Protein backbone atom coordinates (compact mmCIF):
# COMPACT_ATOMS: atom_id res chain seq x y z
CA MET A 1 -36.34 -169.02 15.69
CA VAL A 2 -36.23 -169.11 11.79
CA VAL A 3 -39.79 -167.67 11.74
CA LEU A 4 -38.62 -164.94 14.21
CA ASP A 5 -35.67 -163.99 12.00
CA ALA A 6 -38.24 -163.92 8.93
CA VAL A 7 -40.52 -161.46 10.48
CA LEU A 8 -37.84 -159.32 11.59
CA GLY A 9 -36.31 -159.18 8.53
CA ALA A 10 -39.78 -158.64 6.78
CA VAL A 11 -40.31 -155.59 9.46
CA GLY A 12 -36.86 -154.25 8.59
CA ALA A 13 -37.56 -154.20 5.05
CA ILE A 14 -41.35 -152.98 5.64
CA ALA A 15 -39.57 -150.45 7.57
CA ALA A 16 -36.79 -149.75 5.19
CA VAL A 17 -39.25 -149.35 2.12
CA GLY A 18 -41.61 -147.05 4.03
CA ALA A 19 -38.54 -144.82 5.19
CA VAL A 20 -37.20 -144.55 1.98
CA TRP A 21 -40.85 -143.53 0.27
CA LEU A 22 -41.31 -141.02 3.17
CA ALA A 23 -37.76 -139.46 2.24
CA SER A 24 -39.09 -139.39 -1.43
CA GLY A 25 -42.06 -137.28 -0.31
CA VAL A 26 -40.22 -134.84 1.60
CA ARG A 27 -39.64 -130.96 -0.07
CA VAL A 28 -37.83 -128.28 1.27
CA VAL A 29 -39.72 -124.46 0.83
CA GLN A 30 -37.17 -121.61 1.16
CA GLN A 31 -38.41 -118.72 3.10
CA PHE A 32 -38.70 -116.66 0.25
CA GLN A 33 -40.90 -119.20 -2.12
CA ARG A 34 -44.16 -120.72 -1.78
CA GLY A 35 -45.14 -123.96 -2.69
CA VAL A 36 -48.22 -124.63 -5.08
CA VAL A 37 -48.95 -128.40 -4.78
CA PHE A 38 -50.61 -130.31 -7.62
CA ARG A 39 -52.38 -133.63 -6.55
CA PHE A 40 -52.89 -135.99 -9.80
CA GLY A 41 -52.82 -132.59 -11.82
CA ARG A 42 -55.26 -130.68 -9.80
CA VAL A 43 -54.15 -127.29 -8.01
CA ARG A 44 -54.45 -127.50 -4.21
CA GLU A 45 -55.85 -124.16 -2.70
CA GLU A 46 -53.95 -124.59 0.19
CA VAL A 47 -50.44 -122.58 -0.22
CA ARG A 48 -47.60 -124.51 0.96
CA ALA A 49 -45.33 -122.58 3.93
CA PRO A 50 -41.46 -122.16 4.46
CA GLY A 51 -40.11 -125.00 5.70
CA LEU A 52 -40.17 -129.26 5.39
CA VAL A 53 -43.37 -130.26 3.31
CA LEU A 54 -44.23 -133.47 3.13
CA LEU A 55 -46.01 -134.59 0.01
CA ASN A 56 -47.43 -138.07 -1.65
CA PRO A 57 -45.03 -139.42 -3.86
CA VAL A 58 -47.23 -140.81 -5.88
CA SER A 59 -49.80 -138.18 -6.55
CA ASP A 60 -47.96 -134.91 -5.36
CA ARG A 61 -46.07 -132.28 -7.26
CA ILE A 62 -45.02 -129.13 -5.54
CA ARG A 63 -43.78 -126.10 -7.75
CA ARG A 64 -41.96 -123.50 -5.88
CA VAL A 65 -42.75 -119.57 -6.33
CA ASN A 66 -40.22 -116.59 -5.77
CA MET A 67 -42.06 -114.06 -3.93
CA GLN A 68 -39.28 -111.42 -4.15
CA ILE A 69 -39.28 -108.37 -5.42
CA VAL A 70 -38.39 -108.96 -9.37
CA THR A 71 -36.71 -106.27 -10.91
CA MET A 72 -37.13 -106.50 -14.92
CA PRO A 73 -35.34 -104.09 -17.33
CA VAL A 74 -37.67 -103.10 -20.13
CA PRO A 75 -35.92 -103.02 -23.73
CA GLY A 76 -35.44 -99.40 -25.45
CA GLN A 77 -38.49 -98.60 -27.79
CA GLU A 78 -38.71 -95.97 -30.53
CA GLY A 79 -41.70 -94.41 -30.77
CA ILE A 80 -42.24 -90.87 -32.17
CA THR A 81 -44.06 -88.50 -29.23
CA ARG A 82 -47.20 -86.15 -29.78
CA ASP A 83 -44.72 -82.89 -30.62
CA ASN A 84 -43.30 -85.05 -33.75
CA VAL A 85 -40.23 -85.96 -32.46
CA THR A 86 -38.26 -89.71 -32.64
CA VAL A 87 -37.03 -90.76 -29.51
CA ARG A 88 -35.88 -94.16 -27.81
CA VAL A 89 -37.18 -94.70 -24.19
CA ASP A 90 -35.85 -97.45 -21.66
CA ALA A 91 -37.58 -98.17 -18.05
CA VAL A 92 -37.31 -100.62 -15.42
CA VAL A 93 -40.12 -102.18 -13.87
CA TYR A 94 -40.52 -103.73 -10.13
CA PHE A 95 -43.00 -106.37 -9.44
CA ARG A 96 -43.82 -109.10 -7.04
CA VAL A 97 -46.36 -112.36 -6.85
CA VAL A 98 -48.96 -111.85 -4.59
CA ASP A 99 -50.88 -114.94 -5.47
CA PRO A 100 -48.87 -117.81 -6.13
CA VAL A 101 -51.67 -120.03 -7.30
CA ARG A 102 -52.77 -117.76 -9.56
CA ALA A 103 -49.37 -116.94 -11.05
CA THR A 104 -48.68 -120.86 -11.46
CA VAL A 105 -51.78 -121.33 -13.44
CA ALA A 106 -53.33 -118.29 -14.89
CA VAL A 107 -50.39 -117.38 -16.73
CA GLN A 108 -47.36 -119.87 -18.39
CA ASP A 109 -44.41 -117.60 -17.36
CA TYR A 110 -45.34 -114.24 -15.67
CA VAL A 111 -41.92 -112.51 -16.28
CA PHE A 112 -42.48 -112.78 -19.81
CA ALA A 113 -45.78 -111.40 -20.03
CA ILE A 114 -44.89 -108.64 -17.98
CA SER A 115 -42.25 -107.84 -20.10
CA GLN A 116 -44.24 -108.36 -23.08
CA VAL A 117 -47.40 -105.80 -21.44
CA ALA A 118 -44.37 -103.35 -20.47
CA GLN A 119 -42.77 -102.92 -23.89
CA THR A 120 -46.22 -102.28 -25.57
CA SER A 121 -47.34 -99.71 -22.60
CA LEU A 122 -44.20 -98.05 -23.16
CA ARG A 123 -44.77 -97.46 -26.69
CA SER A 124 -48.37 -96.50 -25.99
CA ILE A 125 -46.93 -93.98 -23.30
CA ILE A 126 -44.99 -92.51 -25.72
CA GLY A 127 -47.25 -91.24 -28.46
CA LYS A 128 -49.04 -89.56 -25.59
CA SER A 129 -46.74 -87.56 -24.00
CA GLU A 130 -44.38 -84.72 -25.48
CA LEU A 131 -40.99 -84.40 -25.41
CA ASP A 132 -40.60 -81.95 -22.48
CA ASP A 133 -42.74 -84.58 -20.34
CA LEU A 134 -40.35 -87.22 -21.45
CA LEU A 135 -37.14 -84.66 -20.14
CA ALA A 136 -38.69 -83.00 -17.11
CA ASN A 137 -42.04 -84.10 -15.71
CA ARG A 138 -41.52 -88.05 -15.50
CA GLU A 139 -43.51 -89.03 -12.65
CA PRO A 140 -47.19 -88.35 -14.13
CA ILE A 141 -45.61 -90.72 -16.88
CA ASN A 142 -44.53 -93.16 -14.43
CA GLN A 143 -47.90 -93.21 -12.63
CA GLY A 144 -49.57 -93.69 -16.01
CA LEU A 145 -47.36 -96.44 -17.28
CA GLU A 146 -48.11 -98.35 -13.68
CA LEU A 147 -51.70 -98.15 -14.38
CA MET A 148 -51.40 -99.64 -17.41
CA LEU A 149 -49.74 -102.49 -16.39
CA ASP A 150 -51.73 -102.88 -13.07
CA SER A 151 -54.48 -104.23 -15.08
CA PRO A 152 -53.57 -107.39 -16.85
CA ALA A 153 -50.84 -108.14 -13.71
CA LEU A 154 -54.02 -108.34 -11.06
CA GLY A 155 -55.37 -111.02 -12.94
CA TRP A 156 -52.54 -113.16 -12.70
CA GLY A 157 -51.67 -112.48 -9.33
CA ILE A 158 -48.73 -109.67 -9.68
CA GLN A 159 -48.64 -106.56 -7.82
CA ILE A 160 -46.69 -103.71 -9.69
CA ASP A 161 -44.13 -101.94 -7.05
CA ARG A 162 -43.12 -99.39 -9.22
CA VAL A 163 -42.37 -98.37 -12.56
CA GLU A 164 -39.72 -95.80 -13.84
CA ILE A 165 -38.46 -94.52 -17.19
CA LYS A 166 -34.35 -94.89 -17.09
CA ASP A 167 -33.37 -93.08 -19.98
CA VAL A 168 -34.73 -90.71 -22.72
CA ALA A 169 -32.40 -91.25 -26.18
CA LEU A 170 -32.26 -88.35 -28.53
CA PRO A 171 -31.30 -87.85 -31.89
CA GLU A 172 -27.97 -86.05 -32.36
CA SER A 173 -29.63 -83.18 -34.54
CA MET A 174 -32.30 -82.74 -31.94
CA LYS A 175 -29.17 -82.29 -28.93
CA ARG A 176 -27.37 -79.92 -31.09
CA SER A 177 -30.73 -77.90 -31.95
CA MET A 178 -31.74 -78.12 -28.05
CA ALA A 179 -28.10 -76.98 -27.01
CA ARG A 180 -28.62 -73.97 -29.60
CA GLN A 181 -31.56 -73.35 -27.65
CA ALA A 182 -30.19 -73.55 -24.34
CA GLU A 183 -27.30 -71.11 -25.62
CA ALA A 184 -29.69 -68.42 -26.76
CA ASP A 185 -31.88 -68.50 -23.46
CA ARG A 186 -28.58 -68.08 -21.28
CA GLU A 187 -27.56 -65.50 -23.50
CA ARG A 188 -30.77 -63.64 -22.99
CA ARG A 189 -30.74 -63.80 -19.46
CA ALA A 190 -27.02 -62.57 -19.60
CA ARG A 191 -28.14 -59.62 -21.39
CA ILE A 192 -31.56 -58.54 -19.44
CA ILE A 193 -28.89 -58.71 -16.27
CA THR A 194 -26.26 -56.99 -17.80
CA ALA A 195 -28.86 -54.54 -19.13
CA ASP A 196 -30.63 -54.13 -15.76
CA GLY A 197 -27.03 -53.44 -14.01
CA GLU A 198 -26.39 -50.84 -15.90
CA TYR A 199 -29.86 -49.23 -15.78
CA GLN A 200 -29.39 -49.54 -11.64
CA ALA A 201 -25.86 -48.18 -12.13
CA SER A 202 -26.88 -45.15 -14.26
CA LYS A 203 -29.58 -44.16 -11.81
CA GLN A 204 -27.04 -44.26 -8.90
CA LEU A 205 -24.82 -42.29 -11.38
CA SER A 206 -27.42 -39.88 -11.96
CA GLU A 207 -28.15 -39.12 -8.41
CA ALA A 208 -24.36 -38.76 -7.79
CA ALA A 209 -24.04 -35.82 -10.40
CA ARG A 210 -27.10 -34.22 -9.13
CA ILE A 211 -25.57 -34.37 -5.55
CA MET A 212 -22.46 -32.96 -7.01
CA ALA A 213 -23.81 -30.71 -9.19
CA GLU A 214 -25.18 -28.94 -5.81
CA THR A 215 -22.12 -28.96 -3.75
CA PRO A 216 -19.21 -28.38 -6.33
CA ALA A 217 -16.76 -29.23 -3.28
CA ALA A 218 -17.92 -32.67 -3.92
CA LEU A 219 -16.50 -32.49 -7.03
CA GLN A 220 -13.07 -32.08 -6.09
CA LEU A 221 -12.74 -34.09 -3.41
CA ARG A 222 -14.13 -36.93 -5.73
CA LEU A 223 -11.12 -35.59 -8.13
CA LEU A 224 -8.40 -35.51 -4.94
CA GLN A 225 -9.68 -38.99 -4.11
CA THR A 226 -9.06 -40.38 -7.90
CA VAL A 227 -5.47 -38.91 -7.69
CA VAL A 228 -4.88 -40.39 -4.29
CA GLU A 229 -6.03 -43.72 -5.26
CA VAL A 230 -3.75 -43.45 -8.70
CA ALA A 231 -0.77 -42.76 -6.75
CA ALA A 232 -1.00 -45.93 -4.33
CA GLU A 233 -0.59 -48.26 -7.34
CA LYS A 234 3.39 -47.16 -7.56
CA ASN A 235 2.73 -46.50 -10.78
CA SER A 236 5.22 -44.31 -12.58
CA THR A 237 2.65 -42.55 -14.39
CA LEU A 238 0.10 -40.16 -12.90
CA VAL A 239 -2.96 -39.08 -14.95
CA LEU A 240 -4.97 -35.94 -14.16
CA PRO A 241 -8.50 -36.02 -15.15
CA PHE A 242 -8.96 -32.75 -16.95
CA PRO A 243 -12.05 -30.74 -16.19
CA VAL A 244 -14.42 -30.99 -19.42
CA GLU A 245 -15.91 -27.60 -19.13
CA LEU A 246 -12.56 -26.03 -19.40
CA LEU A 247 -12.15 -27.64 -23.02
CA ARG A 248 -15.54 -26.13 -23.95
CA PHE A 249 -14.19 -22.79 -22.42
CA LEU A 250 -10.96 -22.89 -24.43
CA ASP A 251 -12.60 -24.29 -27.66
CA SER A 252 -15.23 -21.26 -27.52
CA ALA A 253 -12.74 -18.82 -26.71
CA THR A 254 -10.54 -20.22 -29.72
CA GLU A 255 -13.64 -20.03 -31.59
CA ARG A 256 -14.31 -16.82 -31.19
CA ASN A 257 -10.96 -15.44 -31.45
CA ALA A 258 -11.25 -17.04 -35.22
CA ARG A 259 -14.27 -15.20 -35.99
CA GLN A 260 -12.91 -12.00 -34.93
CA ALA A 261 -9.98 -12.20 -36.73
CA ALA A 262 -11.54 -13.65 -39.89
CA GLU A 263 -14.50 -10.35 -39.66
CA GLU A 264 -11.25 -7.94 -39.15
CA ALA A 265 -10.12 -9.56 -42.40
CA ARG A 266 -12.73 -8.76 -43.94
CA GLU A 267 -13.58 -5.50 -42.94
CA ALA A 268 -9.79 -4.51 -43.88
CA ALA A 269 -10.34 -5.91 -47.69
CA ARG A 270 -13.58 -3.80 -47.64
CA ALA A 271 -11.49 -0.44 -46.83
CA SER A 272 -8.86 -0.94 -49.17
CA ARG A 273 -11.50 -1.43 -51.83
CA GLU A 274 -12.91 1.66 -50.96
CA THR A 275 -9.90 3.72 -50.88
CA GLU A 276 -8.68 2.70 -54.11
CA PRO A 277 -9.69 4.80 -57.48
CA GLU A 278 -11.27 3.03 -60.00
CA ARG A 279 -9.05 2.13 -63.12
CA PRO A 280 -10.89 2.39 -66.44
CA GLU A 281 -10.80 -0.93 -68.09
CA PRO A 282 -8.77 -1.57 -71.16
CA ARG A 283 -10.17 -1.54 -74.65
CA GLU A 284 -9.51 -4.84 -76.42
CA GLN A 285 -7.66 -3.83 -79.85
CA ILE A 286 -8.77 -5.43 -83.12
CA PRO A 287 -6.24 -5.67 -85.71
CA ARG A 288 -6.81 -4.85 -88.95
CA LEU A 289 -5.17 -6.58 -92.35
CA ARG A 290 -3.94 -4.57 -94.76
CA PRO A 291 -5.91 -5.47 -98.72
CA SER A 292 -2.24 -6.27 -100.15
CA GLU A 293 -1.91 -8.93 -97.40
CA ASP A 294 -5.67 -10.71 -97.95
CA VAL A 295 -5.51 -11.05 -101.47
CA PRO A 296 -2.31 -13.27 -102.17
CA ARG A 297 -3.80 -15.22 -99.26
CA LEU A 298 -7.10 -16.04 -100.87
CA ASP A 299 -5.49 -16.80 -104.19
CA SER A 300 -3.35 -19.65 -102.19
CA GLU A 301 -6.52 -21.16 -101.06
CA ARG A 302 -9.01 -21.28 -104.01
CA ASP A 303 -5.47 -22.96 -105.63
CA ALA A 304 -5.83 -25.57 -103.20
CA GLN A 305 -9.06 -26.41 -103.22
């Protein structure tokens, strides 16, 4: 009986130790993770799938690798574009791990490595691009930046899904210059549109004037229609258009009467001069001094000298 109790105690102890040992080797891998196992420091080629994973507590160590897409913002990088404009560009990189073994063994911290490569590639792509491309034609720049990141990332077991330029910061002086340029361009287009409208309106008006010149009654009908439109507004003042031809006729008649009056005045003056008899012109009389008056004056002048 004592022996049986001892045997049962030993079996229970062994079972407890085995249970503890077995429990210490159980690991859980999440659905979005993969497990990379190291046995005595050497990586195993077999990648553990999600779920319960049984390891040797003495020799095995597991490292979980996230397989989700990582969204990593790239800090703003300042650079000079190909057309010598200083800009500051921000970007964002989307990537994920496709080979957990390489991502664990080939690089120490793949997130930090991708961040540094993205910053250097962004500065390089800024120097190769122009300002207009960074502002309006970003798709080729994004593709070029993605290709620059793909070459080192593939060796680390990383796949670059997408790279996008998020923001382009310009100096204040450049913003003001671009605003003035855009305003001048809009003003130019507005003037062109206005001139085109005036040209088309002048063509229509010239065609209407030609038709009205052929039919004078149309001009009178148009005049009456204008009077009706003005009178319909309940105004106390009625404006009647005055024909320009009548003003020209009155002006020419006034000038003709003035010329006739001036010619008649000149004819009358000429006739009066012809009928008036000629009068002899008076001769100028020179006073003559007597000798008795000259002598005292000369003596007085000599005394004064």
